[in-house]
Amino acid sequence: MELRKLTIFNSEIWVIPNSFTDEEVDDILFALDLWTEPAPGYDGPDDWMIAQYPLFRDVRAVEETLAMARAEGVAKMEYSLLIPEISINNMGDKVHWKTETVMSYLESMQGAWEVALQTANGQLDAAVKEEAAE
């Protein structure tokens, strides 16, 4: 029996014993695919709302507010969260309590942020080179 690779992006690892025939393995994988992925033709653009309803008291919060937040051009990635050394909260506190202006805080943190970004980029470059070497 020839080994085949199958990757399922899930936190669990699933194994099919080699006691099954190739045809049985194909049937199992087909059923697994149907179980883990939406069936073609049945996935609607609003399916993401189903998981949100239990988290909110008001249906409008999901159908209007969250839908508006997910609209094209509205939702943005907060890249600062990817680098733990960069904290936007510090700026918010200092500006809120009027101990600094926005510009003075940004100018004072520029050096620290550049070092944090260079470190993060260096780690990313090292990881990419390491993966390419494998």
Protein backbone atom coordinates (compact mmCIF):
# COMPACT_ATOMS: atom_id res chain seq x y z
CA MET A 1 0.00 0.00 0.00
CA GLU A 2 1.39 3.40 -0.98
CA LEU A 3 1.46 6.06 1.73
CA ARG A 4 -0.37 9.31 1.02
CA LYS A 5 -0.01 12.61 2.82
CA LEU A 6 -3.11 14.43 4.00
CA THR A 7 -3.07 17.63 5.99
CA ILE A 8 -6.13 18.77 7.84
CA PHE A 9 -5.75 22.17 9.47
CA ASN A 10 -7.05 21.30 12.87
CA SER A 11 -5.55 21.10 16.34
CA GLU A 12 -6.16 17.37 16.38
CA ILE A 13 -4.28 14.63 14.57
CA TRP A 14 -6.38 11.94 12.95
CA VAL A 15 -4.96 8.63 11.82
CA ILE A 16 -6.45 5.99 9.54
CA PRO A 17 -5.11 2.52 10.35
CA ASN A 18 -3.37 0.70 7.49
CA SER A 19 -5.78 -2.22 7.86
CA PHE A 20 -8.22 -0.46 5.49
CA THR A 21 -8.11 -0.98 1.73
CA ASP A 22 -7.39 1.94 -0.59
CA GLU A 23 -11.07 2.15 -1.49
CA GLU A 24 -12.10 2.25 2.18
CA VAL A 25 -9.49 4.95 2.89
CA ASP A 26 -10.88 7.04 0.04
CA ASP A 27 -14.41 6.64 1.46
CA ILE A 28 -13.23 7.60 4.95
CA LEU A 29 -11.38 10.67 3.65
CA PHE A 30 -14.38 11.70 1.56
CA ALA A 31 -16.67 11.44 4.61
CA LEU A 32 -14.13 13.33 6.72
CA ASP A 33 -13.95 16.07 4.12
CA LEU A 34 -17.74 16.39 4.15
CA TRP A 35 -17.72 16.50 7.94
CA THR A 36 -14.98 19.14 8.31
CA GLU A 37 -15.65 21.39 5.32
CA PRO A 38 -18.86 23.06 4.18
CA ALA A 39 -20.59 21.17 1.40
CA PRO A 40 -20.17 22.90 -1.97
CA GLY A 41 -23.21 24.90 -2.95
CA TYR A 42 -24.55 25.10 0.62
CA ASP A 43 -22.21 27.65 2.14
CA GLY A 44 -23.75 31.09 2.24
CA PRO A 45 -22.07 34.44 2.72
CA ASP A 46 -23.77 34.90 6.11
CA ASP A 47 -22.86 31.52 7.61
CA TRP A 48 -20.28 33.17 9.90
CA MET A 49 -23.19 34.69 11.88
CA ILE A 50 -24.34 31.32 13.23
CA ALA A 51 -21.45 31.08 15.71
CA GLN A 52 -21.92 34.71 16.80
CA TYR A 53 -25.56 34.64 17.93
CA PRO A 54 -24.90 32.89 21.28
CA LEU A 55 -22.27 35.50 22.13
CA PHE A 56 -24.60 38.51 21.90
CA ARG A 57 -27.91 39.38 23.56
CA ASP A 58 -29.22 41.31 20.58
CA VAL A 59 -29.68 39.87 17.09
CA ARG A 60 -29.04 43.32 15.61
CA ALA A 61 -25.56 43.31 17.14
CA VAL A 62 -24.69 40.39 14.91
CA GLU A 63 -26.70 41.18 11.80
CA GLU A 64 -25.94 44.89 11.67
CA THR A 65 -22.95 45.87 13.81
CA LEU A 66 -20.72 42.83 13.21
CA ALA A 67 -21.75 42.71 9.55
CA MET A 68 -20.77 46.36 9.20
CA ALA A 69 -17.44 45.73 10.95
CA ARG A 70 -16.68 42.87 8.52
CA ALA A 71 -17.56 44.90 5.43
CA GLU A 72 -14.91 45.34 2.77
CA GLY A 73 -12.60 48.24 3.58
CA VAL A 74 -13.82 48.57 7.17
CA ALA A 75 -12.02 45.75 8.95
CA LYS A 76 -8.28 46.27 9.26
CA MET A 77 -5.55 44.04 10.67
CA GLU A 78 -3.93 45.43 13.83
CA TYR A 79 -0.33 44.52 13.02
CA SER A 80 0.99 46.05 16.24
CA LEU A 81 -0.47 43.06 18.10
CA LEU A 82 2.00 40.78 16.32
CA ILE A 83 4.98 42.41 18.04
CA PRO A 84 4.65 42.27 21.83
CA GLU A 85 7.27 44.99 22.44
CA ILE A 86 5.00 47.56 20.78
CA SER A 87 2.16 48.68 23.04
CA ILE A 88 -0.36 51.17 21.76
CA ASN A 89 -2.01 51.18 25.21
CA ASN A 90 0.90 53.16 26.65
CA MET A 91 0.21 55.93 24.18
CA GLY A 92 -3.51 55.92 24.97
CA ASP A 93 -2.86 56.30 28.68
CA LYS A 94 -0.38 59.13 28.26
CA VAL A 95 -2.57 61.02 25.82
CA HIS A 96 -5.70 60.45 27.91
CA TRP A 97 -4.06 61.78 31.07
CA LYS A 98 -2.46 64.59 29.05
CA THR A 99 1.08 63.76 30.12
CA GLU A 100 2.13 63.70 26.45
CA THR A 101 0.80 64.64 23.06
CA VAL A 102 0.38 62.02 20.37
CA MET A 103 3.28 63.36 18.33
CA SER A 104 5.67 63.63 21.28
CA TYR A 105 4.90 60.04 22.30
CA LEU A 106 5.37 58.72 18.77
CA GLU A 107 8.66 60.58 18.42
CA SER A 108 9.90 59.29 21.79
CA MET A 109 9.02 55.69 20.90
CA GLN A 110 10.32 55.70 17.32
CA GLY A 111 13.71 54.21 18.21
CA ALA A 112 12.26 51.46 20.40
CA TRP A 113 9.71 50.55 17.73
CA GLU A 114 12.37 50.42 15.02
CA VAL A 115 14.45 48.01 17.12
CA ALA A 116 11.37 45.85 17.83
CA LEU A 117 10.47 45.77 14.13
CA GLN A 118 14.02 44.94 13.07
CA THR A 119 14.13 42.14 15.65
CA ALA A 120 10.79 40.75 14.47
CA ASN A 121 11.85 40.98 10.82
CA GLY A 122 15.16 39.29 11.65
CA GLN A 123 13.36 36.44 13.38
CA LEU A 124 11.02 36.10 10.42
CA ASP A 125 13.93 36.08 7.96
CA ALA A 126 15.73 33.43 10.06
CA ALA A 127 12.60 31.26 10.18
CA VAL A 128 12.14 31.53 6.41
CA LYS A 129 15.80 30.64 5.76
CA GLU A 130 15.58 27.71 8.18
CA GLU A 131 12.45 26.40 6.46
CA ALA A 132 14.09 26.77 3.04
CA ALA A 133 17.14 24.82 4.26
CA GLU A 134 14.95 21.85 5.25
